[in-house]
């Protein structure tokens, strides 16, 4: 069991989805007693805290829930990070659209390169 404090709500939801658990906001039941439902627990093979740059990140390996991945972007300054974030978002949107429509239109000089 590992505990982390001061986490974003969105990060907690993402971790709960990845491990098959549920976010528990309080341990108190209706009578005021502290109880815990074991069905709220998720599972994974290992959890490691890794230092990246100036901060620490928790890496969760072998999640038992639905598939989830995280891409860590690092850059020299905020401008480079913003550009990398936009480029990554654009490429993921292209993959999403291609999977939705099940078609691909070559572009970016692909026709000229084939000739």
Foldseek 3Di string as FASTA:
>chain_A
DDDDPDDDPVVVVVVCQQQVAADDPAQQDPVGDGHDDPNRDGDADDWDWDDDDPDIDIDTHGHPHDDDDDDDDDDDDPVVVVVVVVVVVVVVVVVVVCVVVVDDDDDDCPVVVVD
